[in-house]
Protein backbone atom coordinates (compact mmCIF):
# COMPACT_ATOMS: atom_id res chain seq x y z
CA MET A 1 17.55 18.48 0.06
CA THR A 2 16.21 21.49 -1.85
CA GLY A 3 14.70 24.48 -0.12
CA ASN A 4 11.08 23.35 -0.59
CA GLU A 5 11.51 19.69 0.44
CA ARG A 6 10.46 18.62 3.89
CA PRO A 7 12.60 16.26 5.91
CA PRO A 8 11.16 12.73 6.14
CA GLN A 9 8.72 12.16 8.96
CA LEU A 10 7.74 9.00 10.79
CA VAL A 11 4.27 7.95 9.66
CA ASP A 12 1.95 5.39 11.24
CA LEU A 13 0.52 3.59 8.20
CA ASN A 14 -2.27 1.98 10.25
CA ALA A 15 -3.36 5.35 11.66
CA THR A 16 -3.28 6.88 8.19
CA ILE A 17 -5.45 4.08 6.79
CA PHE A 18 -7.84 4.40 9.73
CA GLN A 19 -8.11 8.19 9.33
CA VAL A 20 -8.94 8.03 5.63
CA GLN A 21 -11.05 4.86 5.79
CA ASP A 22 -14.31 6.74 5.16
CA ILE A 23 -12.84 8.32 2.01
CA PHE A 24 -11.74 4.86 0.86
CA GLN A 25 -15.25 3.49 1.39
CA GLU A 26 -16.67 6.34 -0.72
CA ILE A 27 -14.12 5.60 -3.45
CA LEU A 28 -15.14 1.93 -3.46
CA GLY A 29 -18.86 2.69 -3.58
CA GLU A 30 -21.74 1.22 -1.64
CA ASN A 31 -21.60 -2.23 -3.26
CA VAL A 32 -18.08 -3.01 -2.01
CA VAL A 33 -17.51 -3.24 1.74
CA LEU A 34 -14.09 -2.16 2.99
CA ARG A 35 -12.57 -4.32 5.72
CA THR A 36 -9.24 -3.80 7.44
CA LYS A 37 -6.89 -6.20 9.22
CA LEU A 38 -4.25 -3.89 10.61
CA ALA A 39 -1.22 -5.38 12.38
CA PRO A 40 -1.22 -4.04 15.95
CA ASN A 41 2.59 -3.79 16.02
CA LEU A 42 3.15 -2.34 12.55
CA GLY A 43 6.38 -0.36 12.38
CA LEU A 44 6.46 3.32 11.44
CA VAL A 45 7.53 4.31 7.92
CA HIS A 46 9.57 7.26 6.64
CA GLY A 47 7.80 9.78 4.44
CA GLU A 48 5.50 12.74 4.25
CA ARG A 49 2.06 11.90 5.58
CA ARG A 50 0.31 13.75 2.73
CA LYS A 51 2.30 11.87 0.10
CA ILE A 52 1.42 8.58 1.77
CA GLU A 53 -2.26 9.57 1.95
CA ALA A 54 -2.20 10.50 -1.76
CA LEU A 55 -0.52 7.18 -2.54
CA LEU A 56 -3.20 5.28 -0.60
CA VAL A 57 -6.03 7.13 -2.35
CA ASN A 58 -4.43 6.34 -5.72
CA LEU A 59 -4.14 2.68 -4.73
CA PHE A 60 -7.79 2.58 -3.74
CA LEU A 61 -8.88 4.17 -7.00
CA ARG A 62 -7.07 1.36 -8.81
CA ALA A 63 -8.47 -1.25 -6.42
CA ARG A 64 -11.98 0.05 -7.04
CA ASP A 65 -11.50 -0.41 -10.78
CA ALA A 66 -10.20 -3.95 -10.28
CA ALA A 67 -12.60 -5.04 -7.51
CA PRO A 68 -15.68 -7.13 -8.20
CA PRO A 69 -18.87 -5.05 -8.63
CA ALA A 70 -20.09 -6.26 -5.24
CA GLY A 71 -18.48 -7.93 -2.26
CA GLU A 72 -15.66 -6.83 -0.03
CA LEU A 73 -12.13 -5.53 -0.23
CA THR A 74 -9.88 -6.37 2.71
CA VAL A 75 -6.79 -4.29 3.37
CA ILE A 76 -4.12 -6.05 5.42
CA THR A 77 -1.01 -4.53 6.98
CA SER A 78 1.93 -6.45 8.39
CA ASN A 79 5.63 -6.18 9.08
CA LEU A 80 7.81 -7.68 6.40
CA ASP A 81 11.54 -8.42 6.39
CA LEU A 82 12.88 -8.74 2.87
CA ASP A 83 15.98 -10.84 2.37
CA THR A 84 18.31 -10.21 -0.56
CA ALA A 85 16.38 -12.39 -3.04
CA ALA A 86 12.93 -11.06 -2.09
CA ALA A 87 14.20 -7.46 -2.13
CA ALA A 88 15.75 -7.97 -5.58
CA GLY A 89 12.40 -9.28 -6.83
CA MET A 90 10.73 -6.03 -5.73
CA ASN A 91 13.71 -3.87 -6.79
CA VAL A 92 14.37 -2.48 -3.30
CA SER A 93 17.09 -2.85 -0.67
CA PRO A 94 16.87 -5.75 1.78
CA GLY A 95 15.56 -4.89 5.23
CA PRO A 96 12.44 -4.18 7.27
CA TYR A 97 9.27 -2.94 5.54
CA ALA A 98 5.66 -2.20 6.41
CA GLN A 99 3.46 -4.14 4.01
CA LEU A 100 0.00 -3.28 2.78
CA GLN A 101 -1.86 -5.81 0.68
CA PHE A 102 -5.27 -6.42 -0.81
CA ARG A 103 -6.84 -8.86 -3.25
CA VAL A 104 -8.71 -7.84 -6.37
CA SER A 105 -10.37 -9.72 -9.23
CA ARG A 106 -8.56 -8.02 -12.14
CA GLN A 107 -5.01 -6.91 -12.87
CA VAL A 108 -3.99 -3.59 -11.29
CA GLU A 109 -1.66 -1.48 -13.41
CA PRO A 110 0.90 0.00 -11.00
CA GLY A 111 2.08 2.73 -13.44
CA GLY A 112 2.15 6.08 -11.59
CA ILE A 113 2.01 4.36 -8.22
CA ARG A 114 5.40 2.78 -8.81
CA GLU A 115 7.05 6.19 -9.29
CA LYS A 116 5.45 7.59 -6.11
CA LEU A 117 6.62 4.53 -4.17
CA GLU A 118 10.15 4.86 -5.53
CA GLN A 119 10.26 8.40 -4.11
CA LEU A 120 9.46 6.83 -0.71
CA HIS A 121 12.02 4.02 -1.34
CA GLY A 122 9.16 1.52 -1.46
CA ALA A 123 7.80 -0.87 -4.06
CA ILE A 124 4.65 -2.45 -5.44
CA ASP A 125 4.19 -6.00 -6.65
CA VAL A 126 1.11 -7.55 -8.24
CA LYS A 127 0.85 -11.35 -8.12
CA LYS A 128 -1.68 -13.64 -9.72
CA THR A 129 -3.45 -15.91 -7.24
CA SER A 130 -4.41 -19.53 -7.79
CA ASP A 131 -8.11 -18.59 -8.12
CA GLY A 132 -7.43 -16.16 -10.98
CA GLY A 133 -7.48 -13.00 -8.88
CA PHE A 134 -4.58 -10.75 -7.98
CA THR A 135 -2.84 -9.73 -4.77
CA VAL A 136 -1.40 -6.23 -4.66
CA ILE A 137 1.53 -5.85 -2.26
CA VAL A 138 2.97 -2.46 -1.32
CA ALA A 139 6.14 -2.29 0.77
CA LEU A 140 7.37 0.89 2.51
CA PRO A 141 10.65 0.94 4.47
CA ARG A 142 10.16 0.78 8.22
CA ALA A 143 12.02 3.16 10.48
CA SER A 144 14.63 1.52 12.65
């Protein structure tokens, strides 16, 4: 660790989403309603709270650009245990993760988000859904 790095903290992803929910709604605009389905038992993640907040804001900027012009965007959190095959598909180590996901109508380009997630030892995956939309899945390692 260099002199200006902070040691990892334990961050409650649900609390972070809840605390910046009003900012997210502003980012999405008045025509898109933000809904949340936050897992009540979501595990804590390692990281700096400010970095995770910045990551979430960046995700929501991308979601706004890929969301339909009107409607709703639902953010879902859950615990996720990645086995070897699933972890390899996301290019992370197997183990317990906190998952954040949302559905959008157009492809989300994970570009700079991927690098920020790698710093947190997490990953992003974008999957096409059967109805032509996309599901964005973000996984952050849970603390043991």
